[in-house]
Amino acid sequence: MLAEKLGMDPFELRLQNSLKPGESKCTGFVVEEWPFPEVMKSVRPHYERALKDATPYRTGRIRRGVGLGAGAHGVGRVGEDATAVVELLPDGGVSVCAAAADPGEGNDSMLSQITAHVMNIPMEKIQLQTRETDLTASAGPAAGSRITFMIGGALIVALEQLKEAMKATGAKTSQDLAAAGKPARYVGVKKNQDVKPGEGPSFVTDIHGVQMVELEVDTETGEVKILKITAAVDPGTVINPHNVTGQLEGGLDMGVGYALREEYIPGKTIDWYTSKFPSIRNNFDMEIVLTQTPRAKGPLGATGVGEMCLVPTAPAVINAIRNATGAWVCDLPATPDKVKAAIAALTK
């Protein structure tokens, strides 16, 4: 809306007004990394191509539009901490104990891959204990974008202690450490920095994302068809590309459902069907563009993905409807009746 009032391309408005490393958020929290401009630039050729593709469909009943949504989502609250425990095993493998339930983020593979990388051992020599509360210490909620950054960070602290003990003693197994008078079990804690009183809450790092929606609108019925979404994201160092891509694709699907269909109506919404959740019939093309700017405080330079998958989607859909028809629909979901009414209001 602001870009329209200024007569600017919405892409350039976002790029021009990006925060920069060394600048502060509104809370006074100074950011060390801010690769949002790089993410924007990675999607530029896709944006220019999409605008050209939509040009022949600017008039007539079926019209095409292109919309952008962008944002940064905080990862790792200031002042919070997480704990992970590692233990060298008799066969030279490593046991990892961490309260990191896996609700679909790929936490098990993340913990295994970090351990294999840091200790230079094969994955099959790693044992995970992530579901037993009597074996794990407090690590905060297993939610959203924080697990890789916080618990992965705590894991590296513990692994580095173990590596140092093994290096100092030449140990290869737990028996070797015991013979040298060293423990086989080490506790790692990741503690985020605090902010000064009065500066307000913020996050230690951020994940940045830009999503571009290409869609068609039937101006007579108000039906909206998503053709493609291109999602450009910088999650820092990518530990598992399949996990990142899967998270993003799921977020795009969920975000379109939120934008166009899903609505809770008391007394009427009683199950998955009546909530109009997305199904394979609502599928659309997706393209993921990843840039990797290592985060100084992240494990192996990683941040996380989580919520960023969903944050820009609905705004991008609504902007694309506007671009296609000239109509704003600001009451979600943008159902056909709302889109049709918004288009009709343009002629009044």
Protein backbone atom coordinates (compact mmCIF):
# COMPACT_ATOMS: atom_id res chain seq x y z
CA MET A 1 0.00 0.00 0.00
CA LEU A 2 2.82 2.37 0.88
CA ALA A 3 4.65 1.58 -2.36
CA GLU A 4 1.54 2.49 -4.33
CA LYS A 5 1.20 5.81 -2.52
CA LEU A 6 4.86 6.57 -3.22
CA GLY A 7 4.66 5.42 -6.83
CA MET A 8 7.45 2.90 -6.18
CA ASP A 9 7.92 -0.70 -7.14
CA PRO A 10 7.16 -2.73 -3.98
CA PHE A 11 10.34 -4.76 -4.52
CA GLU A 12 12.53 -1.66 -4.49
CA LEU A 13 10.72 -0.20 -1.47
CA ARG A 14 11.54 -3.29 0.59
CA LEU A 15 15.14 -3.37 -0.55
CA GLN A 16 15.70 0.33 0.04
CA ASN A 17 14.36 0.25 3.61
CA SER A 18 16.17 -2.83 4.88
CA LEU A 19 18.01 -2.75 8.19
CA LYS A 20 21.80 -3.10 7.95
CA PRO A 21 24.34 -4.85 10.19
CA GLY A 22 25.36 -2.53 13.01
CA GLU A 23 21.99 -0.77 13.04
CA SER A 24 19.46 -1.28 15.80
CA LYS A 25 15.91 -2.51 15.91
CA CYS A 26 13.27 -0.29 17.48
CA THR A 27 14.13 -1.84 20.86
CA GLY A 28 17.72 -0.63 20.61
CA PHE A 29 19.01 -4.16 19.97
CA VAL A 30 21.90 -3.94 17.47
CA VAL A 31 21.96 -6.66 14.80
CA GLU A 32 25.22 -8.31 13.80
CA GLU A 33 23.98 -9.99 10.63
CA TRP A 34 21.10 -8.86 8.44
CA PRO A 35 21.18 -10.61 5.04
CA PHE A 36 17.69 -9.49 4.02
CA PRO A 37 19.02 -7.50 1.00
CA GLU A 38 20.80 -10.62 -0.25
CA VAL A 39 17.56 -12.59 0.04
CA MET A 40 15.70 -9.90 -1.90
CA LYS A 41 18.34 -9.89 -4.62
CA SER A 42 18.16 -13.68 -4.93
CA VAL A 43 14.46 -13.44 -5.83
CA ARG A 44 14.82 -10.47 -8.23
CA PRO A 45 15.19 -12.52 -11.46
CA HIS A 46 12.14 -14.58 -10.48
CA TYR A 47 10.18 -11.37 -9.80
CA GLU A 48 11.11 -9.81 -13.13
CA ARG A 49 10.20 -13.01 -14.98
CA ALA A 50 6.85 -13.28 -13.16
CA LEU A 51 5.86 -9.72 -14.03
CA LYS A 52 6.55 -10.40 -17.73
CA ASP A 53 4.57 -13.64 -17.61
CA ALA A 54 1.59 -11.85 -16.09
CA THR A 55 1.54 -8.98 -18.60
CA PRO A 56 -0.66 -10.72 -21.23
CA TYR A 57 -3.27 -11.44 -18.53
CA ARG A 58 -3.92 -7.91 -17.27
CA THR A 59 -7.35 -7.69 -18.91
CA GLY A 60 -10.23 -10.08 -19.49
CA ARG A 61 -12.01 -12.43 -17.16
CA ILE A 62 -8.96 -14.41 -15.96
CA ARG A 63 -6.24 -12.10 -14.70
CA ARG A 64 -2.82 -12.82 -13.30
CA GLY A 65 -1.04 -11.07 -10.48
CA VAL A 66 2.30 -11.11 -8.71
CA GLY A 67 2.66 -10.34 -5.02
CA LEU A 68 5.53 -10.15 -2.55
CA GLY A 69 5.61 -10.85 1.16
CA ALA A 70 8.74 -10.43 3.26
CA GLY A 71 9.91 -10.46 6.82
CA ALA A 72 12.43 -11.37 9.47
CA HIS A 73 11.62 -13.67 12.37
CA GLY A 74 13.60 -13.70 15.59
CA VAL A 75 15.42 -16.83 16.70
CA GLY A 76 16.71 -17.34 20.24
CA ARG A 77 15.16 -15.04 22.84
CA VAL A 78 17.55 -12.84 24.75
CA GLY A 79 18.45 -14.25 28.14
CA GLU A 80 17.13 -17.78 27.47
CA ASP A 81 19.24 -20.91 27.77
CA ALA A 82 19.28 -24.55 26.75
CA THR A 83 21.16 -27.64 27.90
CA ALA A 84 22.46 -30.75 26.14
CA VAL A 85 24.46 -33.68 27.51
CA VAL A 86 26.85 -35.96 25.63
CA GLU A 87 28.61 -39.13 26.71
CA LEU A 88 31.39 -41.13 25.09
CA LEU A 89 30.38 -44.79 24.79
CA PRO A 90 32.46 -47.97 25.18
CA ASP A 91 32.51 -48.50 21.40
CA GLY A 92 33.69 -44.95 20.68
CA GLY A 93 30.21 -43.76 19.77
CA VAL A 94 28.47 -40.79 21.37
CA SER A 95 25.19 -40.60 23.26
CA VAL A 96 23.27 -37.32 23.03
CA CYS A 97 20.68 -36.44 25.67
CA ALA A 98 18.57 -33.37 24.94
CA ALA A 99 14.96 -32.36 25.56
CA ALA A 100 14.33 -31.81 21.87
CA ALA A 101 11.16 -33.58 20.81
CA ASP A 102 10.74 -33.62 17.03
CA PRO A 103 7.35 -32.22 15.97
CA GLY A 104 8.43 -32.32 12.33
CA GLU A 105 11.39 -29.94 12.22
CA GLY A 106 14.01 -32.65 11.73
CA ASN A 107 15.53 -32.29 15.19
CA ASP A 108 16.76 -35.88 15.33
CA SER A 109 18.69 -35.58 12.09
CA MET A 110 20.00 -32.15 13.12
CA LEU A 111 21.40 -33.45 16.43
CA SER A 112 22.89 -36.50 14.71
CA GLN A 113 24.46 -34.52 11.90
CA ILE A 114 26.02 -31.94 14.21
CA THR A 115 27.46 -34.69 16.40
CA ALA A 116 28.82 -36.63 13.43
CA HIS A 117 30.38 -33.48 12.00
CA VAL A 118 31.99 -32.21 15.21
CA MET A 119 33.23 -35.63 16.38
CA ASN A 120 34.07 -36.94 12.90
CA ILE A 121 32.25 -40.23 13.46
CA PRO A 122 29.65 -42.04 11.33
CA MET A 123 25.98 -41.40 12.04
CA GLU A 124 25.34 -44.99 13.07
CA LYS A 125 27.62 -44.51 16.11
CA ILE A 126 25.33 -41.83 17.57
CA GLN A 127 22.60 -42.61 20.10
CA LEU A 128 19.84 -40.08 20.76
CA GLN A 129 17.85 -39.70 23.96
CA THR A 130 15.34 -36.93 23.27
CA ARG A 131 12.05 -38.29 24.61
CA GLU A 132 12.92 -39.26 28.21
CA THR A 133 12.52 -36.51 30.78
CA ASP A 134 14.53 -38.45 33.37
CA LEU A 135 17.54 -38.45 31.03
CA THR A 136 17.41 -34.87 29.79
CA ALA A 137 17.78 -31.43 31.30
CA SER A 138 15.66 -28.35 30.67
CA ALA A 139 16.18 -26.93 27.20
CA GLY A 140 13.14 -24.70 26.75
CA PRO A 141 10.19 -25.45 24.47
CA ALA A 142 10.62 -27.79 21.49
CA ALA A 143 8.85 -25.29 19.27
CA GLY A 144 9.19 -23.13 16.21
CA SER A 145 12.56 -21.88 15.08
CA ARG A 146 14.68 -22.25 18.22
CA ILE A 147 15.72 -25.90 18.43
CA THR A 148 18.65 -25.86 16.01
CA PHE A 149 19.94 -22.55 17.32
CA MET A 150 19.52 -23.18 21.05
CA ILE A 151 19.79 -26.93 21.63
CA GLY A 152 22.11 -27.40 18.68
CA GLY A 153 24.29 -24.68 20.20
CA ALA A 154 24.27 -26.36 23.61
CA LEU A 155 25.19 -29.65 21.94
CA ILE A 156 28.28 -28.13 20.34
CA VAL A 157 29.41 -26.73 23.72
CA ALA A 158 29.15 -30.23 25.22
CA LEU A 159 30.86 -31.90 22.26
CA GLU A 160 33.77 -29.47 22.37
CA GLN A 161 34.34 -30.37 26.04
CA LEU A 162 34.34 -34.06 25.17
CA LYS A 163 36.70 -33.51 22.25
CA GLU A 164 39.12 -31.58 24.46
CA ALA A 165 39.17 -34.39 27.05
CA MET A 166 39.77 -37.00 24.36
CA LYS A 167 42.53 -34.92 22.80
CA ALA A 168 44.26 -34.31 26.13
CA THR A 169 44.24 -38.02 27.02
CA GLY A 170 44.37 -39.66 23.62
CA ALA A 171 41.18 -41.49 24.55
CA LYS A 172 39.02 -43.22 21.96
CA THR A 173 36.46 -44.85 24.26
CA SER A 174 34.82 -44.28 27.63
CA GLN A 175 37.18 -46.86 29.15
CA ASP A 176 40.15 -44.80 27.97
CA LEU A 177 38.76 -41.67 29.62
CA ALA A 178 38.11 -43.54 32.86
CA ALA A 179 41.65 -44.87 32.88
CA ALA A 180 42.92 -41.31 32.48
CA GLY A 181 40.73 -40.08 35.32
CA LYS A 182 38.40 -38.14 33.07
CA PRO A 183 34.60 -38.33 32.95
CA ALA A 184 32.86 -39.63 29.85
CA ARG A 185 29.81 -37.36 30.29
CA TYR A 186 29.77 -33.61 29.59
CA VAL A 187 27.09 -30.96 29.93
CA GLY A 188 26.77 -28.10 27.44
CA VAL A 189 24.80 -24.94 28.12
CA LYS A 190 23.98 -22.24 25.60
CA LYS A 191 23.04 -18.99 27.30
CA ASN A 192 21.94 -16.02 25.23
CA GLN A 193 23.01 -12.52 26.09
CA ASP A 194 20.70 -10.23 28.02
CA VAL A 195 19.59 -6.76 27.00
CA LYS A 196 19.74 -3.64 29.10
CA PRO A 197 16.62 -2.86 31.15
CA GLY A 198 14.15 -0.74 29.22
CA GLU A 199 15.29 -1.82 25.77
CA GLY A 200 12.56 -4.40 25.48
CA PRO A 201 12.60 -8.03 24.33
CA SER A 202 14.33 -9.05 21.14
CA PHE A 203 16.19 -12.00 19.68
CA VAL A 204 19.82 -12.93 19.31
CA THR A 205 19.54 -13.62 15.60
CA ASP A 206 16.97 -13.65 12.80
CA ILE A 207 15.92 -15.68 9.79
CA HIS A 208 14.97 -13.72 6.69
CA GLY A 209 12.49 -14.68 3.99
CA VAL A 210 10.83 -13.32 0.87
CA GLN A 211 7.94 -15.08 -0.84
CA MET A 212 6.59 -14.29 -4.29
CA VAL A 213 3.12 -15.47 -5.27
CA GLU A 214 1.90 -15.89 -8.84
CA LEU A 215 -1.84 -16.45 -9.14
CA GLU A 216 -4.92 -16.19 -11.32
CA VAL A 217 -8.21 -14.55 -10.40
CA ASP A 218 -11.51 -15.27 -12.09
CA THR A 219 -13.03 -11.80 -11.95
CA GLU A 220 -16.58 -13.12 -12.45
CA THR A 221 -16.59 -15.74 -9.70
CA GLY A 222 -13.84 -14.42 -7.39
CA GLU A 223 -12.03 -17.77 -7.50
CA VAL A 224 -8.28 -17.54 -6.87
CA LYS A 225 -5.86 -20.14 -8.20
CA ILE A 226 -2.27 -20.19 -6.96
CA LEU A 227 0.07 -20.93 -9.85
CA LYS A 228 3.44 -20.82 -8.12
CA ILE A 229 5.18 -19.54 -5.01
CA THR A 230 8.89 -18.81 -4.97
CA ALA A 231 10.34 -18.68 -1.46
CA ALA A 232 13.79 -17.20 -0.87
CA VAL A 233 15.21 -17.74 2.61
CA ASP A 234 18.50 -17.27 4.46
CA PRO A 235 18.60 -19.66 7.45
CA GLY A 236 22.35 -19.33 7.96
CA THR A 237 24.34 -22.49 7.35
CA VAL A 238 22.02 -25.21 6.08
CA ILE A 239 22.54 -28.40 8.07
CA ASN A 240 20.00 -30.55 6.21
CA PRO A 241 18.71 -29.16 2.87
CA HIS A 242 15.79 -31.62 2.75
CA ASN A 243 14.57 -30.55 6.18
CA VAL A 244 14.74 -26.87 5.25
CA THR A 245 12.99 -27.36 1.92
CA GLY A 246 10.33 -29.57 3.51
CA GLN A 247 9.63 -27.00 6.22
CA LEU A 248 9.29 -24.24 3.64
CA GLU A 249 7.01 -26.22 1.34
CA GLY A 250 4.76 -27.13 4.26
CA GLY A 251 4.67 -23.51 5.37
CA LEU A 252 3.70 -22.31 1.89
CA ASP A 253 0.85 -24.81 1.74
CA MET A 254 -0.33 -23.81 5.22
CA GLY A 255 -0.01 -20.10 4.44
CA VAL A 256 -2.16 -20.35 1.32
CA GLY A 257 -4.81 -22.20 3.31
CA TYR A 258 -4.77 -19.39 5.87
CA ALA A 259 -4.99 -16.76 3.12
CA LEU A 260 -7.74 -18.27 0.97
CA ARG A 261 -9.76 -20.97 2.75
CA GLU A 262 -9.32 -21.76 6.42
CA GLU A 263 -11.72 -20.13 8.85
CA TYR A 264 -13.09 -21.10 12.22
CA ILE A 265 -16.80 -20.38 12.53
CA PRO A 266 -18.27 -21.31 15.94
CA GLY A 267 -20.90 -24.02 15.59
CA LYS A 268 -20.05 -24.71 11.96
CA THR A 269 -16.36 -25.58 11.97
CA ILE A 270 -16.37 -28.97 13.63
CA ASP A 271 -13.63 -31.01 11.92
CA TRP A 272 -10.75 -30.88 9.43
CA TYR A 273 -13.13 -30.92 6.46
CA THR A 274 -15.23 -27.98 7.57
CA SER A 275 -12.12 -25.97 8.45
CA LYS A 276 -11.23 -26.28 4.73
CA PHE A 277 -7.64 -27.29 5.29
CA PRO A 278 -5.48 -27.68 2.15
CA SER A 279 -5.43 -31.00 0.29
CA ILE A 280 -3.47 -32.31 -2.69
CA ARG A 281 -6.15 -30.81 -4.94
CA ASN A 282 -4.98 -27.36 -3.86
CA ASN A 283 -1.36 -28.09 -4.73
CA PHE A 284 0.73 -25.58 -6.69
CA ASP A 285 4.28 -25.23 -7.98
CA MET A 286 6.92 -24.25 -5.44
CA GLU A 287 10.51 -23.14 -5.86
CA ILE A 288 12.90 -22.71 -2.93
CA VAL A 289 15.87 -20.35 -3.18
CA LEU A 290 18.39 -20.63 -0.35
CA THR A 291 21.18 -18.23 0.53
CA GLN A 292 23.51 -19.03 3.41
CA THR A 293 24.95 -16.28 5.59
CA PRO A 294 26.62 -17.95 8.60
CA ARG A 295 25.45 -16.59 11.95
CA ALA A 296 28.29 -15.99 14.38
CA LYS A 297 26.31 -17.25 17.38
CA GLY A 298 24.64 -20.17 15.61
CA PRO A 299 25.71 -23.83 15.70
CA LEU A 300 27.97 -24.30 12.69
CA GLY A 301 26.56 -20.92 11.57
CA ALA A 302 22.89 -22.02 11.49
CA THR A 303 19.79 -20.22 12.78
CA GLY A 304 16.51 -22.05 12.21
CA VAL A 305 13.47 -22.05 9.93
CA GLY A 306 10.17 -22.66 11.75
CA GLU A 307 7.76 -19.74 11.75
CA MET A 308 9.40 -17.88 8.87
CA CYS A 309 7.92 -20.48 6.51
CA LEU A 310 4.46 -19.05 7.19
CA VAL A 311 5.00 -15.36 7.98
CA PRO A 312 5.10 -13.84 4.44
CA THR A 313 2.61 -16.11 2.64
CA ALA A 314 -0.79 -14.52 3.27
CA PRO A 315 0.48 -10.96 2.63
CA ALA A 316 2.04 -12.13 -0.65
CA VAL A 317 -1.26 -13.74 -1.71
CA ILE A 318 -3.27 -10.62 -0.90
CA ASN A 319 -0.75 -8.39 -2.70
CA ALA A 320 -0.98 -10.66 -5.76
CA ILE A 321 -4.78 -10.41 -5.78
CA ARG A 322 -4.43 -6.63 -5.67
CA ASN A 323 -1.87 -6.72 -8.48
CA ALA A 324 -4.20 -8.85 -10.61
CA THR A 325 -7.47 -7.04 -10.02
CA GLY A 326 -6.83 -3.70 -8.35
CA ALA A 327 -8.91 -4.85 -5.37
CA TRP A 328 -7.79 -5.13 -1.75
CA VAL A 329 -9.15 -7.97 0.37
CA CYS A 330 -8.00 -7.38 3.93
CA ASP A 331 -10.39 -9.70 5.76
CA LEU A 332 -8.97 -13.22 5.68
CA PRO A 333 -9.63 -15.69 4.30
CA ALA A 334 -9.98 -14.13 0.85
CA THR A 335 -12.86 -16.36 -0.19
CA PRO A 336 -14.43 -16.04 -3.67
CA ASP A 337 -17.37 -14.01 -2.38
CA LYS A 338 -15.05 -11.48 -0.70
CA VAL A 339 -12.83 -11.21 -3.79
CA LYS A 340 -15.85 -10.81 -6.07
CA ALA A 341 -17.32 -8.11 -3.81
CA ALA A 342 -14.01 -6.24 -3.66
CA ILE A 343 -13.75 -6.26 -7.45
CA ALA A 344 -17.36 -5.10 -7.82
CA ALA A 345 -16.72 -2.24 -5.38
CA LEU A 346 -14.07 -0.83 -7.75
CA THR A 347 -16.76 0.20 -10.24
CA LYS A 348 -19.03 1.92 -7.72
